[in-house]
Amino acid sequence: MGWIMTIIIGGLAGYIAERIMKADMGIFGNIGIGIVGAMFANFVLRILGFNASGGLVTQGIVAIGGACALIYIYRAIKARG
């Protein structure tokens, strides 16, 4: 996937995850959490033996799930400290 599509999908996934998790991160935070969330979720899925290379929709869903997971992990760590 090209860099432009990565930023667009990451931003959209971050925005959706922000709404699902009721967070407030801003546009650059949404893009960052969407891209990093997609990488995180793909890594975890690969370890579990799944391949999520089905196209834009599949990667969008994976990115949303990964971004939600990262927001959850961040909140759990923040609540402990």
PDB file of N, CA and C in Angstrom:
ATOM      1  N   MET A   1       0.852  -1.169   0.000  1.00  0.00           N
ATOM      2  CA  MET A   1       0.000   0.000   0.000  1.00  0.00           C
ATOM      3  C   MET A   1       0.899   1.234   0.000  1.00  0.00           C
ATOM      4  N   GLY A   2       0.527   2.241  -0.753  1.00  0.00           N
ATOM      5  CA  GLY A   2       1.317   3.457  -0.823  1.00  0.00           C
ATOM      6  C   GLY A   2       1.197   4.293   0.444  1.00  0.00           C
ATOM      7  N   TRP A   3       2.106   5.237   0.568  1.00  0.00           N
ATOM      8  CA  TRP A   3       2.132   6.078   1.772  1.00  0.00           C
ATOM      9  C   TRP A   3       0.859   6.908   1.914  1.00  0.00           C
ATOM     10  N   ILE A   4       0.342   7.407   0.812  1.00  0.00           N
ATOM     11  CA  ILE A   4      -0.871   8.234   0.871  1.00  0.00           C
ATOM     12  C   ILE A   4      -2.046   7.402   1.367  1.00  0.00           C
ATOM     13  N   MET A   5      -2.211   6.191   0.829  1.00  0.00           N
ATOM     14  CA  MET A   5      -3.303   5.325   1.279  1.00  0.00           C
ATOM     15  C   MET A   5      -3.098   4.895   2.728  1.00  0.00           C
ATOM     16  N   THR A   6      -1.847   4.693   3.121  1.00  0.00           N
ATOM     17  CA  THR A   6      -1.565   4.331   4.508  1.00  0.00           C
ATOM     18  C   THR A   6      -2.006   5.443   5.443  1.00  0.00           C
ATOM     19  N   ILE A   7      -1.711   6.681   5.083  1.00  0.00           N
ATOM     20  CA  ILE A   7      -2.109   7.818   5.916  1.00  0.00           C
ATOM     21  C   ILE A   7      -3.626   7.963   5.940  1.00  0.00           C
ATOM     22  N   ILE A   8      -4.270   7.796   4.797  1.00  0.00           N
ATOM     23  CA  ILE A   8      -5.732   7.927   4.734  1.00  0.00           C
ATOM     24  C   ILE A   8      -6.409   6.828   5.553  1.00  0.00           C
ATOM     25  N   ILE A   9      -6.011   5.572   5.336  1.00  0.00           N
ATOM     26  CA  ILE A   9      -6.599   4.453   6.086  1.00  0.00           C
ATOM     27  C   ILE A   9      -6.279   4.592   7.571  1.00  0.00           C
ATOM     28  N   GLY A  10      -5.045   4.984   7.895  1.00  0.00           N
ATOM     29  CA  GLY A  10      -4.655   5.172   9.296  1.00  0.00           C
ATOM     30  C   GLY A  10      -5.463   6.264   9.963  1.00  0.00           C
ATOM     31  N   GLY A  11      -5.646   7.381   9.272  1.00  0.00           N
ATOM     32  CA  GLY A  11      -6.438   8.474   9.825  1.00  0.00           C
ATOM     33  C   GLY A  11      -7.890   8.092  10.035  1.00  0.00           C
ATOM     34  N   LEU A  12      -8.458   7.399   9.070  1.00  0.00           N
ATOM     35  CA  LEU A  12      -9.844   6.952   9.187  1.00  0.00           C
ATOM     36  C   LEU A  12      -9.995   5.926  10.307  1.00  0.00           C
ATOM     37  N   ALA A  13      -9.075   4.982  10.368  1.00  0.00           N
ATOM     38  CA  ALA A  13      -9.122   3.965  11.422  1.00  0.00           C
ATOM     39  C   ALA A  13      -8.933   4.597  12.796  1.00  0.00           C
ATOM     40  N   GLY A  14      -8.004   5.546  12.905  1.00  0.00           N
ATOM     41  CA  GLY A  14      -7.787   6.238  14.173  1.00  0.00           C
ATOM     42  C   GLY A  14      -9.007   7.030  14.593  1.00  0.00           C
ATOM     43  N   TYR A  15      -9.660   7.689  13.634  1.00  0.00           N
ATOM     44  CA  TYR A  15     -10.869   8.458  13.931  1.00  0.00           C
ATOM     45  C   TYR A  15     -11.985   7.548  14.440  1.00  0.00           C
ATOM     46  N   ILE A  16     -12.190   6.419  13.766  1.00  0.00           N
ATOM     47  CA  ILE A  16     -13.239   5.481  14.179  1.00  0.00           C
ATOM     48  C   ILE A  16     -12.917   4.898  15.558  1.00  0.00           C
ATOM     49  N   ALA A  17     -11.648   4.529  15.766  1.00  0.00           N
ATOM     50  CA  ALA A  17     -11.247   3.996  17.072  1.00  0.00           C
ATOM     51  C   ALA A  17     -11.419   5.049  18.164  1.00  0.00           C
ATOM     52  N   GLU A  18     -11.115   6.308  17.845  1.00  0.00           N
ATOM     53  CA  GLU A  18     -11.288   7.405  18.795  1.00  0.00           C
ATOM     54  C   GLU A  18     -12.753   7.521  19.210  1.00  0.00           C
ATOM     55  N   ARG A  19     -13.652   7.383  18.272  1.00  0.00           N
ATOM     56  CA  ARG A  19     -15.091   7.454  18.566  1.00  0.00           C
ATOM     57  C   ARG A  19     -15.558   6.236  19.362  1.00  0.00           C
ATOM     58  N   ILE A  20     -15.073   5.052  19.003  1.00  0.00           N
ATOM     59  CA  ILE A  20     -15.468   3.829  19.708  1.00  0.00           C
ATOM     60  C   ILE A  20     -14.998   3.875  21.153  1.00  0.00           C
ATOM     61  N   MET A  21     -13.749   4.303  21.356  1.00  0.00           N
ATOM     62  CA  MET A  21     -13.146   4.296  22.694  1.00  0.00           C
ATOM     63  C   MET A  21     -13.389   5.594  23.461  1.00  0.00           C
ATOM     64  N   LYS A  22     -14.093   6.549  22.852  1.00  0.00           N
ATOM     65  CA  LYS A  22     -14.391   7.846  23.466  1.00  0.00           C
ATOM     66  C   LYS A  22     -13.114   8.537  23.956  1.00  0.00           C
ATOM     67  N   ALA A  23     -12.165   8.665  23.044  1.00  0.00           N
ATOM     68  CA  ALA A  23     -10.895   9.326  23.324  1.00  0.00           C
ATOM     69  C   ALA A  23     -10.877  10.657  22.580  1.00  0.00           C
ATOM     70  N   ASP A  24      -9.888  11.481  22.850  1.00  0.00           N
ATOM     71  CA  ASP A  24      -9.736  12.747  22.150  1.00  0.00           C
ATOM     72  C   ASP A  24      -8.256  12.914  21.822  1.00  0.00           C
ATOM     73  N   MET A  25      -7.888  12.656  20.547  1.00  0.00           N
ATOM     74  CA  MET A  25      -6.480  12.633  20.190  1.00  0.00           C
ATOM     75  C   MET A  25      -6.091  13.647  19.120  1.00  0.00           C
ATOM     76  N   GLY A  26      -7.009  14.205  18.390  1.00  0.00           N
ATOM     77  CA  GLY A  26      -6.678  15.127  17.310  1.00  0.00           C
ATOM     78  C   GLY A  26      -6.331  14.384  16.028  1.00  0.00           C
ATOM     79  N   ILE A  27      -6.181  15.136  14.951  1.00  0.00           N
ATOM     80  CA  ILE A  27      -5.988  14.535  13.634  1.00  0.00           C
ATOM     81  C   ILE A  27      -4.661  13.783  13.520  1.00  0.00           C
ATOM     82  N   PHE A  28      -3.580  14.361  14.040  1.00  0.00           N
ATOM     83  CA  PHE A  28      -2.290  13.686  13.935  1.00  0.00           C
ATOM     84  C   PHE A  28      -2.229  12.470  14.853  1.00  0.00           C
ATOM     85  N   GLY A  29      -2.886  12.568  15.999  1.00  0.00           N
ATOM     86  CA  GLY A  29      -2.979  11.413  16.894  1.00  0.00           C
ATOM     87  C   GLY A  29      -3.772  10.292  16.260  1.00  0.00           C
ATOM     88  N   ASN A  30      -4.855  10.651  15.557  1.00  0.00           N
ATOM     89  CA  ASN A  30      -5.665   9.645  14.867  1.00  0.00           C
ATOM     90  C   ASN A  30      -4.855   8.928  13.794  1.00  0.00           C
ATOM     91  N   ILE A  31      -4.117   9.691  12.997  1.00  0.00           N
ATOM     92  CA  ILE A  31      -3.307   9.085  11.948  1.00  0.00           C
ATOM     93  C   ILE A  31      -2.252   8.168  12.560  1.00  0.00           C
ATOM     94  N   GLY A  32      -1.573   8.670  13.581  1.00  0.00           N
ATOM     95  CA  GLY A  32      -0.527   7.873  14.232  1.00  0.00           C
ATOM     96  C   GLY A  32      -1.065   6.607  14.860  1.00  0.00           C
ATOM     97  N   ILE A  33      -2.143   6.733  15.618  1.00  0.00           N
ATOM     98  CA  ILE A  33      -2.690   5.553  16.308  1.00  0.00           C
ATOM     99  C   ILE A  33      -3.259   4.570  15.289  1.00  0.00           C
ATOM    100  N   GLY A  34      -3.796   5.068  14.175  1.00  0.00           N
ATOM    101  CA  GLY A  34      -4.311   4.178  13.136  1.00  0.00           C
ATOM    102  C   GLY A  34      -3.208   3.386  12.454  1.00  0.00           C
ATOM    103  N   ILE A  35      -2.107   4.052  12.113  1.00  0.00           N
ATOM    104  CA  ILE A  35      -0.997   3.381  11.442  1.00  0.00           C
ATOM    105  C   ILE A  35      -0.307   2.406  12.390  1.00  0.00           C
ATOM    106  N   VAL A  36       0.011   2.865  13.596  1.00  0.00           N
ATOM    107  CA  VAL A  36       0.676   1.991  14.567  1.00  0.00           C
ATOM    108  C   VAL A  36      -0.255   0.852  14.988  1.00  0.00           C
ATOM    109  N   GLY A  37      -1.548   1.144  15.115  1.00  0.00           N
ATOM    110  CA  GLY A  37      -2.519   0.105  15.450  1.00  0.00           C
ATOM    111  C   GLY A  37      -2.600  -0.967  14.387  1.00  0.00           C
ATOM    112  N   ALA A  38      -2.532  -0.565  13.112  1.00  0.00           N
ATOM    113  CA  ALA A  38      -2.546  -1.542  12.022  1.00  0.00           C
ATOM    114  C   ALA A  38      -1.305  -2.429  12.075  1.00  0.00           C
ATOM    115  N   MET A  39      -0.146  -1.824  12.319  1.00  0.00           N
ATOM    116  CA  MET A  39       1.082  -2.617  12.420  1.00  0.00           C
ATOM    117  C   MET A  39       1.016  -3.568  13.606  1.00  0.00           C
ATOM    118  N   PHE A  40       0.528  -3.082  14.739  1.00  0.00           N
ATOM    119  CA  PHE A  40       0.400  -3.899  15.946  1.00  0.00           C
ATOM    120  C   PHE A  40      -0.549  -5.072  15.716  1.00  0.00           C
ATOM    121  N   ALA A  41      -1.726  -4.791  15.160  1.00  0.00           N
ATOM    122  CA  ALA A  41      -2.716  -5.847  14.940  1.00  0.00           C
ATOM    123  C   ALA A  41      -2.226  -6.870  13.914  1.00  0.00           C
ATOM    124  N   ASN A  42      -1.575  -6.415  12.846  1.00  0.00           N
ATOM    125  CA  ASN A  42      -1.025  -7.351  11.858  1.00  0.00           C
ATOM    126  C   ASN A  42       0.054  -8.233  12.471  1.00  0.00           C
ATOM    127  N   PHE A  43       0.882  -7.660  13.345  1.00  0.00           N
ATOM    128  CA  PHE A  43       1.918  -8.425  14.035  1.00  0.00           C
ATOM    129  C   PHE A  43       1.293  -9.504  14.921  1.00  0.00           C
ATOM    130  N   VAL A  44       0.295  -9.120  15.703  1.00  0.00           N
ATOM    131  CA  VAL A  44      -0.371 -10.082  16.594  1.00  0.00           C
ATOM    132  C   VAL A  44      -1.067 -11.169  15.781  1.00  0.00           C
ATOM    133  N   LEU A  45      -1.751 -10.780  14.716  1.00  0.00           N
ATOM    134  CA  LEU A  45      -2.432 -11.774  13.875  1.00  0.00           C
ATOM    135  C   LEU A  45      -1.442 -12.731  13.231  1.00  0.00           C
ATOM    136  N   ARG A  46      -0.291 -12.215  12.800  1.00  0.00           N
ATOM    137  CA  ARG A  46       0.734 -13.065  12.201  1.00  0.00           C
ATOM    138  C   ARG A  46       1.264 -14.078  13.209  1.00  0.00           C
ATOM    139  N   ILE A  47       1.459 -13.645  14.454  1.00  0.00           N
ATOM    140  CA  ILE A  47       1.919 -14.560  15.502  1.00  0.00           C
ATOM    141  C   ILE A  47       0.886 -15.664  15.738  1.00  0.00           C
ATOM    142  N   LEU A  48      -0.398 -15.294  15.671  1.00  0.00           N
ATOM    143  CA  LEU A  48      -1.472 -16.261  15.889  1.00  0.00           C
ATOM    144  C   LEU A  48      -1.743 -17.138  14.664  1.00  0.00           C
ATOM    145  N   GLY A  49      -1.052 -16.872  13.558  1.00  0.00           N
ATOM    146  CA  GLY A  49      -1.186 -17.713  12.377  1.00  0.00           C
ATOM    147  C   GLY A  49      -2.219 -17.239  11.375  1.00  0.00           C
ATOM    148  N   PHE A  50      -2.675 -16.002  11.491  1.00  0.00           N
ATOM    149  CA  PHE A  50      -3.663 -15.455  10.558  1.00  0.00           C
ATOM    150  C   PHE A  50      -2.991 -14.494   9.601  1.00  0.00           C
ATOM    151  N   ASN A  51      -3.532 -14.399   8.394  1.00  0.00           N
ATOM    152  CA  ASN A  51      -3.028 -13.465   7.398  1.00  0.00           C
ATOM    153  C   ASN A  51      -4.158 -12.514   7.035  1.00  0.00           C
ATOM    154  N   ALA A  52      -3.972 -11.236   7.289  1.00  0.00           N
ATOM    155  CA  ALA A  52      -5.026 -10.246   7.053  1.00  0.00           C
ATOM    156  C   ALA A  52      -4.730  -9.421   5.811  1.00  0.00           C
ATOM    157  N   SER A  53      -4.358 -10.065   4.723  1.00  0.00           N
ATOM    158  CA  SER A  53      -4.031  -9.333   3.501  1.00  0.00           C
ATOM    159  C   SER A  53      -5.167  -9.449   2.494  1.00  0.00           C
ATOM    160  N   GLY A  54      -6.318  -8.916   2.844  1.00  0.00           N
ATOM    161  CA  GLY A  54      -7.468  -9.026   1.971  1.00  0.00           C
ATOM    162  C   GLY A  54      -7.803  -7.775   1.209  1.00  0.00           C
ATOM    163  N   GLY A  55      -7.129  -6.680   1.440  1.00  0.00           N
ATOM    164  CA  GLY A  55      -7.422  -5.439   0.740  1.00  0.00           C
ATOM    165  C   GLY A  55      -7.662  -4.295   1.706  1.00  0.00           C
ATOM    166  N   LEU A  56      -8.192  -3.213   1.171  1.00  0.00           N
ATOM    167  CA  LEU A  56      -8.379  -2.006   1.975  1.00  0.00           C
ATOM    168  C   LEU A  56      -9.380  -2.186   3.106  1.00  0.00           C
ATOM    169  N   VAL A  57     -10.477  -2.866   2.836  1.00  0.00           N
ATOM    170  CA  VAL A  57     -11.491  -3.052   3.873  1.00  0.00           C
ATOM    171  C   VAL A  57     -10.944  -3.910   5.008  1.00  0.00           C
ATOM    172  N   THR A  58     -10.292  -5.000   4.665  1.00  0.00           N
ATOM    173  CA  THR A  58      -9.712  -5.879   5.681  1.00  0.00           C
ATOM    174  C   THR A  58      -8.666  -5.138   6.502  1.00  0.00           C
ATOM    175  N   GLN A  59      -7.784  -4.413   5.839  1.00  0.00           N
ATOM    176  CA  GLN A  59      -6.758  -3.664   6.560  1.00  0.00           C
ATOM    177  C   GLN A  59      -7.369  -2.547   7.400  1.00  0.00           C
ATOM    178  N   GLY A  60      -8.456  -1.958   6.930  1.00  0.00           N
ATOM    179  CA  GLY A  60      -9.154  -0.935   7.715  1.00  0.00           C
ATOM    180  C   GLY A  60      -9.717  -1.510   8.999  1.00  0.00           C
ATOM    181  N   ILE A  61     -10.324  -2.682   8.899  1.00  0.00           N
ATOM    182  CA  ILE A  61     -10.886  -3.340  10.085  1.00  0.00           C
ATOM    183  C   ILE A  61      -9.777  -3.728  11.053  1.00  0.00           C
ATOM    184  N   VAL A  62      -8.690  -4.261  10.512  1.00  0.00           N
ATOM    185  CA  VAL A  62      -7.541  -4.628  11.352  1.00  0.00           C
ATOM    186  C   VAL A  62      -6.969  -3.383  12.033  1.00  0.00           C
ATOM    187  N   ALA A  63      -6.854  -2.279  11.287  1.00  0.00           N
ATOM    188  CA  ALA A  63      -6.313  -1.038  11.845  1.00  0.00           C
ATOM    189  C   ALA A  63      -7.207  -0.492  12.952  1.00  0.00           C
ATOM    190  N   ILE A  64      -8.513  -0.555  12.770  1.00  0.00           N
ATOM    191  CA  ILE A  64      -9.445  -0.094  13.807  1.00  0.00           C
ATOM    192  C   ILE A  64      -9.290  -0.938  15.063  1.00  0.00           C
ATOM    193  N   GLY A  65      -9.243  -2.244  14.885  1.00  0.00           N
ATOM    194  CA  GLY A  65      -9.057  -3.137  16.037  1.00  0.00           C
ATOM    195  C   GLY A  65      -7.748  -2.891  16.756  1.00  0.00           C
ATOM    196  N   GLY A  66      -6.676  -2.702  15.982  1.00  0.00           N
ATOM    197  CA  GLY A  66      -5.374  -2.432  16.573  1.00  0.00           C
ATOM    198  C   GLY A  66      -5.330  -1.097  17.295  1.00  0.00           C
ATOM    199  N   ALA A  67      -5.949  -0.080  16.707  1.00  0.00           N
ATOM    200  CA  ALA A  67      -5.979   1.239  17.340  1.00  0.00           C
ATOM    201  C   ALA A  67      -6.784   1.194  18.641  1.00  0.00           C
ATOM    202  N   CYS A  68      -7.914   0.489  18.623  1.00  0.00           N
ATOM    203  CA  CYS A  68      -8.711   0.334  19.860  1.00  0.00           C
ATOM    204  C   CYS A  68      -7.895  -0.402  20.926  1.00  0.00           C
ATOM    205  N   ALA A  69      -7.170  -1.426  20.517  1.00  0.00           N
ATOM    206  CA  ALA A  69      -6.343  -2.177  21.464  1.00  0.00           C
ATOM    207  C   ALA A  69      -5.256  -1.291  22.061  1.00  0.00           C
ATOM    208  N   LEU A  70      -4.618  -0.457  21.238  1.00  0.00           N
ATOM    209  CA  LEU A  70      -3.577   0.433  21.741  1.00  0.00           C
ATOM    210  C   LEU A  70      -4.131   1.481  22.702  1.00  0.00           C
ATOM    211  N   ILE A  71      -5.297   2.014  22.393  1.00  0.00           N
ATOM    212  CA  ILE A  71      -5.930   2.977  23.310  1.00  0.00           C
ATOM    213  C   ILE A  71      -6.248   2.294  24.633  1.00  0.00           C
ATOM    214  N   TYR A  72      -6.758   1.080  24.575  1.00  0.00           N
ATOM    215  CA  TYR A  72      -7.063   0.321  25.789  1.00  0.00           C
ATOM    216  C   TYR A  72      -5.802   0.052  26.611  1.00  0.00           C
ATOM    217  N   ILE A  73      -4.734  -0.376  25.950  1.00  0.00           N
ATOM    218  CA  ILE A  73      -3.471  -0.654  26.635  1.00  0.00           C
ATOM    219  C   ILE A  73      -2.927   0.618  27.268  1.00  0.00           C
ATOM    220  N   TYR A  74      -2.982   1.730  26.539  1.00  0.00           N
ATOM    221  CA  TYR A  74      -2.508   3.006  27.074  1.00  0.00           C
ATOM    222  C   TYR A  74      -3.284   3.391  28.338  1.00  0.00           C
ATOM    223  N   ARG A  75      -4.596   3.254  28.279  1.00  0.00           N
ATOM    224  CA  ARG A  75      -5.424   3.595  29.442  1.00  0.00           C
ATOM    225  C   ARG A  75      -5.123   2.676  30.630  1.00  0.00           C
ATOM    226  N   ALA A  76      -4.891   1.394  30.365  1.00  0.00           N
ATOM    227  CA  ALA A  76      -4.598   0.454  31.452  1.00  0.00           C
ATOM    228  C   ALA A  76      -3.267   0.801  32.121  1.00  0.00           C
ATOM    229  N   ILE A  77      -2.276   1.144  31.322  1.00  0.00           N
ATOM    230  CA  ILE A  77      -0.965   1.515  31.869  1.00  0.00           C
ATOM    231  C   ILE A  77      -1.073   2.838  32.635  1.00  0.00           C
ATOM    232  N   LYS A  78      -1.804   3.793  32.076  1.00  0.00           N
ATOM    233  CA  LYS A  78      -1.963   5.101  32.709  1.00  0.00           C
ATOM    234  C   LYS A  78      -2.696   4.988  34.052  1.00  0.00           C
ATOM    235  N   ALA A  79      -3.668   4.080  34.138  1.00  0.00           N
ATOM    236  CA  ALA A  79      -4.446   3.907  35.365  1.00  0.00           C
ATOM    237  C   ALA A  79      -3.594   3.269  36.477  1.00  0.00           C
ATOM    238  N   ARG A  80      -2.624   2.462  36.108  1.00  0.00           N
ATOM    239  CA  ARG A  80      -1.764   1.809  37.108  1.00  0.00           C
ATOM    240  C   ARG A  80      -0.770   2.780  37.728  1.00  0.00           C
ATOM    241  N   GLY A  81      -0.291   3.731  36.931  1.00  0.00           N
ATOM    242  CA  GLY A  81       0.784   4.613  37.378  1.00  0.00           C
ATOM    243  C   GLY A  81       0.288   5.863  37.891  1.00  0.00           C
TER     244      GLY A  81
END
